[in-house]
C-alpha atoms as a PDB file:
ATOM      1  CA  UNK A   1       0.281  -0.083  -0.168  1.00  0.00           C
ATOM      2  CA  UNK A   2       2.894   2.859   0.762  1.00  0.00           C
ATOM      3  CA  UNK A   3       3.929   2.313  -3.040  1.00  0.00           C
ATOM      4  CA  UNK A   4       1.068   2.611  -3.983  1.00  0.00           C
ATOM      5  CA  UNK A   5       0.363   5.994  -2.148  1.00  0.00           C
ATOM      6  CA  UNK A   6       4.094   7.206  -2.751  1.00  0.00           C
ATOM      7  CA  UNK A   7       2.990   6.478  -6.534  1.00  0.00           C
ATOM      8  CA  UNK A   8       0.109   8.363  -6.043  1.00  0.00           C
ATOM      9  CA  UNK A   9       1.943  11.316  -4.117  1.00  0.00           C
ATOM     10  CA  UNK A  10       4.655  11.475  -7.065  1.00  0.00           C
ATOM     11  CA  UNK A  11       2.398  11.570  -9.443  1.00  0.00           C
ATOM     12  CA  UNK A  12       0.016  14.692  -7.660  1.00  0.00           C
ATOM     13  CA  UNK A  13       3.514  16.008  -7.643  1.00  0.00           C
ATOM     14  CA  UNK A  14       3.956  16.195 -11.186  1.00  0.00           C
ATOM     15  CA  UNK A  15       0.781  16.995 -12.220  1.00  0.00           C
ATOM     16  CA  UNK A  16       0.741  19.897  -9.781  1.00  0.00           C
ATOM     17  CA  UNK A  17       4.121  21.405 -11.274  1.00  0.00           C
ATOM     18  CA  UNK A  18       3.135  21.022 -14.628  1.00  0.00           C
ATOM     19  CA  UNK A  19      -0.214  22.767 -13.993  1.00  0.00           C
ATOM     20  CA  UNK A  20       1.395  25.272 -11.883  1.00  0.00           C
ATOM     21  CA  UNK A  21       4.148  26.004 -14.481  1.00  0.00           C
ATOM     22  CA  UNK A  22       1.291  26.115 -17.535  1.00  0.00           C
ATOM     23  CA  UNK A  23      -0.949  28.198 -15.589  1.00  0.00           C
ATOM     24  CA  UNK A  24       0.690  30.079 -12.881  1.00  0.00           C
ATOM     25  CA  UNK A  25       0.109  28.682  -8.916  1.00  0.00           C
ATOM     26  CA  UNK A  26      -2.255  31.258  -8.351  1.00  0.00           C
ATOM     27  CA  UNK A  27      -4.582  30.398 -11.552  1.00  0.00           C
ATOM     28  CA  UNK A  28      -4.528  26.579 -10.822  1.00  0.00           C
ATOM     29  CA  UNK A  29      -6.740  24.861  -8.141  1.00  0.00           C
ATOM     30  CA  UNK A  30      -6.460  21.752  -6.305  1.00  0.00           C
ATOM     31  CA  UNK A  31      -9.784  20.757  -8.174  1.00  0.00           C
ATOM     32  CA  UNK A  32      -8.283  21.344 -11.498  1.00  0.00           C
ATOM     33  CA  UNK A  33      -5.362  18.978  -9.984  1.00  0.00           C
ATOM     34  CA  UNK A  34      -7.489  16.401  -8.699  1.00  0.00           C
ATOM     35  CA  UNK A  35      -9.498  16.622 -12.375  1.00  0.00           C
ATOM     36  CA  UNK A  36      -6.364  15.841 -14.226  1.00  0.00           C
ATOM     37  CA  UNK A  37      -5.063  13.073 -12.087  1.00  0.00           C
ATOM     38  CA  UNK A  38      -8.594  11.530 -12.289  1.00  0.00           C
ATOM     39  CA  UNK A  39      -9.353  11.332  -8.363  1.00  0.00           C
ATOM     40  CA  UNK A  40     -11.612  12.743  -6.107  1.00  0.00           C
ATOM     41  CA  UNK A  41     -10.571  15.838  -4.231  1.00  0.00           C
ATOM     42  CA  UNK A  42     -10.801  13.845  -0.969  1.00  0.00           C
ATOM     43  CA  UNK A  43      -8.022  11.859  -2.253  1.00  0.00           C
ATOM     44  CA  UNK A  44      -5.730  14.407  -2.967  1.00  0.00           C
ATOM     45  CA  UNK A  45      -6.494  16.148   0.314  1.00  0.00           C
ATOM     46  CA  UNK A  46      -5.379  12.573   1.880  1.00  0.00           C
ATOM     47  CA  UNK A  47      -1.746  13.244   0.415  1.00  0.00           C
ATOM     48  CA  UNK A  48      -1.624  17.208   0.354  1.00  0.00           C
ATOM     49  CA  UNK A  49      -3.997  19.695   2.228  1.00  0.00           C
ATOM     50  CA  UNK A  50      -2.874  22.908   0.569  1.00  0.00           C
ATOM     51  CA  UNK A  51      -0.816  24.266  -2.864  1.00  0.00           C
ATOM     52  CA  UNK A  52       1.745  25.066  -0.759  1.00  0.00           C
ATOM     53  CA  UNK A  53       2.459  21.777   0.822  1.00  0.00           C
ATOM     54  CA  UNK A  54       2.516  20.748  -2.853  1.00  0.00           C
ATOM     55  CA  UNK A  55       5.140  23.112  -3.600  1.00  0.00           C
ATOM     56  CA  UNK A  56       7.175  22.291  -0.096  1.00  0.00           C
ATOM     57  CA  UNK A  57       7.199  18.400  -1.359  1.00  0.00           C
ATOM     58  CA  UNK A  58       8.635  18.975  -4.243  1.00  0.00           C
ATOM     59  CA  UNK A  59      11.160  22.155  -3.355  1.00  0.00           C
ATOM     60  CA  UNK A  60      12.350  19.708  -0.537  1.00  0.00           C
ATOM     61  CA  UNK A  61      14.573  17.790  -2.568  1.00  0.00           C
ATOM     62  CA  UNK A  62      16.245  20.544  -3.732  1.00  0.00           C
ATOM     63  CA  UNK A  63      16.730  22.465  -0.501  1.00  0.00           C
ATOM     64  CA  UNK A  64      18.554  18.656   1.013  1.00  0.00           C
ATOM     65  CA  UNK A  65      20.959  18.942  -1.889  1.00  0.00           C
ATOM     66  CA  UNK A  66      21.273  22.660  -1.196  1.00  0.00           C
ATOM     67  CA  UNK A  67      22.200  22.143   2.561  1.00  0.00           C
ATOM     68  CA  UNK A  68      24.707  19.501   1.103  1.00  0.00           C
ATOM     69  CA  UNK A  69      26.459  21.401  -1.317  1.00  0.00           C
ATOM     70  CA  UNK A  70      26.993  24.019   1.378  1.00  0.00           C
ATOM     71  CA  UNK A  71      28.129  21.661   4.235  1.00  0.00           C
ATOM     72  CA  UNK A  72      30.706  20.199   1.535  1.00  0.00           C
ATOM     73  CA  UNK A  73      31.875  24.189   0.446  1.00  0.00           C
ATOM     74  CA  UNK A  74      32.131  25.038   4.248  1.00  0.00           C
ATOM     75  CA  UNK A  75      34.692  22.898   4.937  1.00  0.00           C
ATOM     76  CA  UNK A  76      37.116  23.873   1.747  1.00  0.00           C
ATOM     77  CA  UNK A  77      39.375  26.212   1.571  1.00  0.00           C
ATOM     78  CA  UNK A  78      38.161  29.250   0.033  1.00  0.00           C
ATOM     79  CA  UNK A  79      39.953  29.015  -3.439  1.00  0.00           C
ATOM     80  CA  UNK A  80      38.802  29.478  -7.141  1.00  0.00           C
ATOM     81  CA  UNK A  81      39.132  25.202  -7.345  1.00  0.00           C
ATOM     82  CA  UNK A  82      36.614  25.091  -4.859  1.00  0.00           C
ATOM     83  CA  UNK A  83      34.261  27.546  -6.093  1.00  0.00           C
ATOM     84  CA  UNK A  84      34.485  26.051  -9.336  1.00  0.00           C
ATOM     85  CA  UNK A  85      33.580  22.654  -8.017  1.00  0.00           C
ATOM     86  CA  UNK A  86      31.038  23.619  -5.886  1.00  0.00           C
ATOM     87  CA  UNK A  87      29.117  25.607  -9.043  1.00  0.00           C
ATOM     88  CA  UNK A  88      29.968  22.503 -11.022  1.00  0.00           C
ATOM     89  CA  UNK A  89      28.256  20.240  -8.367  1.00  0.00           C
ATOM     90  CA  UNK A  90      25.122  22.676  -8.028  1.00  0.00           C
ATOM     91  CA  UNK A  91      24.726  22.674 -11.737  1.00  0.00           C
ATOM     92  CA  UNK A  92      24.866  19.022 -11.944  1.00  0.00           C
ATOM     93  CA  UNK A  93      22.078  19.021  -8.860  1.00  0.00           C
ATOM     94  CA  UNK A  94      19.954  21.597 -10.605  1.00  0.00           C
ATOM     95  CA  UNK A  95      20.189  19.808 -13.897  1.00  0.00           C
ATOM     96  CA  UNK A  96      19.116  15.911 -12.354  1.00  0.00           C
ATOM     97  CA  UNK A  97      15.664  14.653 -13.111  1.00  0.00           C
ATOM     98  CA  UNK A  98      12.794  16.907 -12.383  1.00  0.00           C
ATOM     99  CA  UNK A  99      14.891  19.746 -10.767  1.00  0.00           C
ATOM    100  CA  UNK A 100      14.399  21.727 -14.488  1.00  0.00           C
ATOM    101  CA  UNK A 101      10.768  21.352 -14.248  1.00  0.00           C
ATOM    102  CA  UNK A 102      11.002  23.101 -10.553  1.00  0.00           C
ATOM    103  CA  UNK A 103      13.530  25.629 -12.233  1.00  0.00           C
ATOM    104  CA  UNK A 104      10.499  26.617 -14.267  1.00  0.00           C
ATOM    105  CA  UNK A 105       8.100  26.738 -12.018  1.00  0.00           C
ATOM    106  CA  UNK A 106      10.282  29.297  -9.690  1.00  0.00           C
ATOM    107  CA  UNK A 107      11.090  31.393 -12.947  1.00  0.00           C
ATOM    108  CA  UNK A 108       7.264  31.307 -14.032  1.00  0.00           C
ATOM    109  CA  UNK A 109       5.971  31.744 -10.269  1.00  0.00           C
ATOM    110  CA  UNK A 110       8.637  34.474  -8.512  1.00  0.00           C
ATOM    111  CA  UNK A 111       5.833  36.685  -7.281  1.00  0.00           C
ATOM    112  CA  UNK A 112       3.819  33.718  -5.576  1.00  0.00           C
ATOM    113  CA  UNK A 113       6.730  32.481  -4.150  1.00  0.00           C
ATOM    114  CA  UNK A 114       8.178  35.535  -2.210  1.00  0.00           C
ATOM    115  CA  UNK A 115       4.674  34.585   0.064  1.00  0.00           C
ATOM    116  CA  UNK A 116       5.205  30.855   0.533  1.00  0.00           C
ATOM    117  CA  UNK A 117       7.768  29.299   2.807  1.00  0.00           C
ATOM    118  CA  UNK A 118       9.413  27.175   0.326  1.00  0.00           C
ATOM    119  CA  UNK A 119      10.198  30.387  -1.518  1.00  0.00           C
ATOM    120  CA  UNK A 120      11.278  31.691   1.438  1.00  0.00           C
ATOM    121  CA  UNK A 121      13.471  28.550   2.325  1.00  0.00           C
ATOM    122  CA  UNK A 122      15.011  28.681  -0.984  1.00  0.00           C
ATOM    123  CA  UNK A 123      15.857  32.332  -0.868  1.00  0.00           C
ATOM    124  CA  UNK A 124      17.712  31.883   2.460  1.00  0.00           C
ATOM    125  CA  UNK A 125      19.892  28.520   0.835  1.00  0.00           C
ATOM    126  CA  UNK A 126      20.298  31.063  -2.535  1.00  0.00           C
ATOM    127  CA  UNK A 127      22.236  33.404  -0.471  1.00  0.00           C
ATOM    128  CA  UNK A 128      24.266  30.670   1.721  1.00  0.00           C
ATOM    129  CA  UNK A 129      25.543  29.264  -1.652  1.00  0.00           C
ATOM    130  CA  UNK A 130      26.461  32.975  -2.439  1.00  0.00           C
ATOM    131  CA  UNK A 131      28.089  33.886   0.311  1.00  0.00           C
ATOM    132  CA  UNK A 132      29.990  30.350   0.226  1.00  0.00           C
ATOM    133  CA  UNK A 133      31.015  30.996  -3.214  1.00  0.00           C
ATOM    134  CA  UNK A 134      32.501  34.510  -2.304  1.00  0.00           C
ATOM    135  CA  UNK A 135      33.842  33.681   0.842  1.00  0.00           C
ATOM    136  CA  UNK A 136      37.386  34.822   1.632  1.00  0.00           C
ATOM    137  CA  UNK A 137      36.657  38.146  -0.493  1.00  0.00           C
ATOM    138  CA  UNK A 138      34.053  39.953   1.175  1.00  0.00           C
ATOM    139  CA  UNK A 139      33.812  43.018  -1.504  1.00  0.00           C
ATOM    140  CA  UNK A 140      30.502  44.250  -2.951  1.00  0.00           C
ATOM    141  CA  UNK A 141      31.920  43.253  -6.149  1.00  0.00           C
ATOM    142  CA  UNK A 142      32.114  39.446  -5.083  1.00  0.00           C
ATOM    143  CA  UNK A 143      29.315  39.294  -3.599  1.00  0.00           C
ATOM    144  CA  UNK A 144      27.569  40.310  -6.644  1.00  0.00           C
ATOM    145  CA  UNK A 145      29.406  38.040  -8.812  1.00  0.00           C
ATOM    146  CA  UNK A 146      28.941  34.858  -6.645  1.00  0.00           C
ATOM    147  CA  UNK A 147      25.091  35.665  -6.875  1.00  0.00           C
ATOM    148  CA  UNK A 148      24.977  36.088 -10.620  1.00  0.00           C
ATOM    149  CA  UNK A 149      27.114  33.197 -11.003  1.00  0.00           C
ATOM    150  CA  UNK A 150      24.200  30.872  -9.219  1.00  0.00           C
ATOM    151  CA  UNK A 151      21.936  32.999 -11.330  1.00  0.00           C
ATOM    152  CA  UNK A 152      24.074  31.957 -14.563  1.00  0.00           C
ATOM    153  CA  UNK A 153      23.034  28.322 -13.840  1.00  0.00           C
ATOM    154  CA  UNK A 154      19.365  29.282 -13.149  1.00  0.00           C
ATOM    155  CA  UNK A 155      18.987  31.793 -16.459  1.00  0.00           C
ATOM    156  CA  UNK A 156      19.970  29.201 -18.608  1.00  0.00           C
ATOM    157  CA  UNK A 157      16.736  27.694 -18.666  1.00  0.00           C
ATOM    158  CA  UNK A 158      14.868  30.705 -19.943  1.00  0.00           C
ATOM    159  CA  UNK A 159      16.919  33.143 -21.134  1.00  0.00           C
ATOM    160  CA  UNK A 160      19.190  30.506 -23.815  1.00  0.00           C
ATOM    161  CA  UNK A 161      16.722  30.433 -26.599  1.00  0.00           C
ATOM    162  CA  UNK A 162      18.391  28.824 -29.235  1.00  0.00           C
ATOM    163  CA  UNK A 163      16.444  26.164 -30.869  1.00  0.00           C
ATOM    164  CA  UNK A 164      17.701  22.668 -30.500  1.00  0.00           C
ATOM    165  CA  UNK A 165      19.491  23.595 -27.614  1.00  0.00           C
ATOM    166  CA  UNK A 166      20.494  20.284 -25.077  1.00  0.00           C
ATOM    167  CA  UNK A 167      20.443  20.171 -21.616  1.00  0.00           C
ATOM    168  CA  UNK A 168      24.166  19.309 -21.764  1.00  0.00           C
ATOM    169  CA  UNK A 169      25.031  22.265 -24.332  1.00  0.00           C
ATOM    170  CA  UNK A 170      22.671  24.704 -21.832  1.00  0.00           C
ATOM    171  CA  UNK A 171      24.977  23.587 -18.639  1.00  0.00           C
ATOM    172  CA  UNK A 172      27.889  23.765 -20.653  1.00  0.00           C
ATOM    173  CA  UNK A 173      27.070  27.442 -21.469  1.00  0.00           C
ATOM    174  CA  UNK A 174      25.963  28.612 -17.888  1.00  0.00           C
ATOM    175  CA  UNK A 175      29.484  27.109 -16.338  1.00  0.00           C
ATOM    176  CA  UNK A 176      31.002  28.920 -18.488  1.00  0.00           C
ATOM    177  CA  UNK A 177      29.579  32.212 -18.083  1.00  0.00           C
ATOM    178  CA  UNK A 178      29.664  31.234 -14.204  1.00  0.00           C
ATOM    179  CA  UNK A 179      33.448  30.718 -14.387  1.00  0.00           C
ATOM    180  CA  UNK A 180      34.057  34.273 -15.800  1.00  0.00           C
ATOM    181  CA  UNK A 181      32.483  35.561 -13.195  1.00  0.00           C
ATOM    182  CA  UNK A 182      34.394  33.057 -10.545  1.00  0.00           C
ATOM    183  CA  UNK A 183      38.062  33.822 -11.896  1.00  0.00           C
ATOM    184  CA  UNK A 184      37.080  37.178 -10.593  1.00  0.00           C
ATOM    185  CA  UNK A 185      36.357  36.531  -6.836  1.00  0.00           C
ATOM    186  CA  UNK A 186      39.628  36.655  -5.023  1.00  0.00           C
ATOM    187  CA  UNK A 187      41.437  33.485  -3.929  1.00  0.00           C
ATOM    188  CA  UNK A 188      41.103  33.905   0.173  1.00  0.00           C
ATOM    189  CA  UNK A 189      44.948  33.698   0.473  1.00  0.00           C
END
């Protein structure tokens, strides 16, 4: 039974993510999610009581990955090599599995996310990752470059519009731009 429950939960997450991205978070109702899944609203409520709970559920994995990266980076020397490895690992994590769909959701629902706890948690993790990228160089320029480095990975999903670009090519472009920014952050030595 837990396998069925887990499968249903994952189906709800996938359909909700699809609808939130297509229509927007605010314009999507729990009723629409239930109808697309061909389940009752009561069955949906069994798994998730609100749209916020659904968003939190698919953001949790991303937060966990970010926490792991932050912990890893904190134990490393503040060098360009560490920064490059950190942004490469971050890009690998963000391009894996369903996370590109989550990235598109965030990009298309930014205003709503400001009020959701999941959005606030994401902003906190992004700031912590940026702090690790600029650790050793506390200048305002380094802080901005660190934030823009993360944005290079994120924006590759909507800013790179060339037809036929694969996810791997998109990631490569993002990392090249990120590396240009990282190279200007001090070594901390």
